[in-house]
Amino acid sequence: MSLDKLLLAIIMIRVFSGTIEVAAAFLMYKFNDLYKAFVINSLLAFVGPGVLLLTTFIGLYGLAGRISLLKALLLVAGILLIVISLRIK
């Protein structure tokens, strides 16, 4: 079984992202402080959208020519709306 290089990139980014999340949970446990946990959690808010955008664009790059331009644009618009909604206070 061979994996496409772009698929492998997406998988590795997701594994790395999950490792960051688990490490953050262990740090919160280790510090045992609500303020520090809040700061760590806030830093994670930067990781999630970045991983979402990166993996989406890798996937779109790999699917270029196989999906319609309209579908690709709608997908990008949806992702951008998610990111924008996370930033609105």
Protein backbone atom coordinates (compact mmCIF):
# COMPACT_ATOMS: atom_id res chain seq x y z
CA MET A 1 0.00 0.00 0.00
CA SER A 2 1.45 3.34 -0.96
CA LEU A 3 0.19 6.69 0.22
CA ASP A 4 0.05 9.77 -1.93
CA LYS A 5 2.66 12.31 -0.79
CA LEU A 6 0.04 15.00 -0.21
CA LEU A 7 -2.12 12.62 1.80
CA LEU A 8 0.91 11.70 3.89
CA ALA A 9 1.61 15.41 4.46
CA ILE A 10 -1.94 15.96 5.70
CA ILE A 11 -1.70 12.93 7.99
CA MET A 12 1.63 14.05 9.44
CA ILE A 13 0.35 17.60 10.04
CA ARG A 14 -2.68 16.19 11.86
CA VAL A 15 -0.49 13.87 13.98
CA PHE A 16 1.75 16.83 14.85
CA SER A 17 -1.30 18.94 15.70
CA GLY A 18 -2.69 16.18 17.93
CA THR A 19 0.67 15.86 19.66
CA ILE A 20 0.61 19.59 20.41
CA GLU A 21 -2.91 19.26 21.86
CA VAL A 22 -1.94 16.34 24.11
CA ALA A 23 1.25 18.10 25.21
CA ALA A 24 -0.81 21.18 26.07
CA ALA A 25 -3.15 19.06 28.20
CA PHE A 26 -0.18 17.60 30.08
CA LEU A 27 1.23 21.09 30.65
CA MET A 28 -2.11 22.25 32.03
CA TYR A 29 -2.12 19.27 34.37
CA LYS A 30 1.51 19.86 35.40
CA PHE A 31 1.03 23.57 36.16
CA ASN A 32 -2.27 22.94 37.96
CA ASP A 33 -3.17 26.60 37.57
CA LEU A 34 -6.32 27.95 35.93
CA TYR A 35 -4.62 31.08 34.61
CA LYS A 36 -1.77 29.13 33.01
CA ALA A 37 -4.26 26.63 31.57
CA PHE A 38 -6.21 29.54 30.09
CA VAL A 39 -3.04 30.95 28.48
CA ILE A 40 -2.09 27.54 27.06
CA ASN A 41 -5.60 27.06 25.73
CA SER A 42 -5.51 30.50 24.13
CA LEU A 43 -2.27 29.62 22.37
CA LEU A 44 -3.94 26.51 20.99
CA ALA A 45 -6.51 28.77 19.33
CA PHE A 46 -3.77 29.75 16.87
CA VAL A 47 -2.79 26.17 16.08
CA GLY A 48 -6.22 24.81 15.14
CA PRO A 49 -7.18 27.27 12.39
CA GLY A 50 -3.66 27.17 10.97
CA VAL A 51 -3.76 23.39 10.71
CA LEU A 52 -7.25 23.55 9.19
CA LEU A 53 -6.13 26.02 6.52
CA LEU A 54 -2.89 24.22 5.75
CA THR A 55 -4.45 20.77 5.39
CA THR A 56 -7.34 22.17 3.34
CA PHE A 57 -5.04 23.92 0.90
CA ILE A 58 -2.84 20.83 0.56
CA GLY A 59 -5.96 18.81 -0.21
CA LEU A 60 -7.21 21.37 -2.72
CA TYR A 61 -3.83 21.44 -4.40
CA GLY A 62 -3.92 17.66 -4.72
CA LEU A 63 -7.47 17.68 -6.04
CA ALA A 64 -6.91 20.49 -8.55
CA GLY A 65 -8.42 19.43 -11.83
CA ARG A 66 -10.56 16.74 -10.22
CA ILE A 67 -13.12 19.02 -8.56
CA SER A 68 -14.87 22.01 -10.06
CA LEU A 69 -13.61 25.52 -9.48
CA LEU A 70 -16.95 26.40 -7.86
CA LYS A 71 -16.60 23.59 -5.30
CA ALA A 72 -13.04 24.64 -4.51
CA LEU A 73 -14.05 28.29 -4.07
CA LEU A 74 -17.01 27.36 -1.87
CA LEU A 75 -14.76 25.18 0.28
CA VAL A 76 -12.21 27.99 0.69
CA ALA A 77 -15.01 30.46 1.47
CA GLY A 78 -16.40 28.12 4.12
CA ILE A 79 -13.00 27.70 5.76
CA LEU A 80 -12.44 31.45 5.74
CA LEU A 81 -15.84 32.01 7.34
CA ILE A 82 -14.90 29.56 10.11
CA VAL A 83 -11.63 31.37 10.74
CA ILE A 84 -13.34 34.78 10.68
CA SER A 85 -16.02 33.60 13.11
CA LEU A 86 -13.32 32.47 15.53
CA ARG A 87 -11.80 35.96 15.51
CA ILE A 88 -15.04 37.90 16.03
CA LYS A 89 -15.58 38.98 19.61
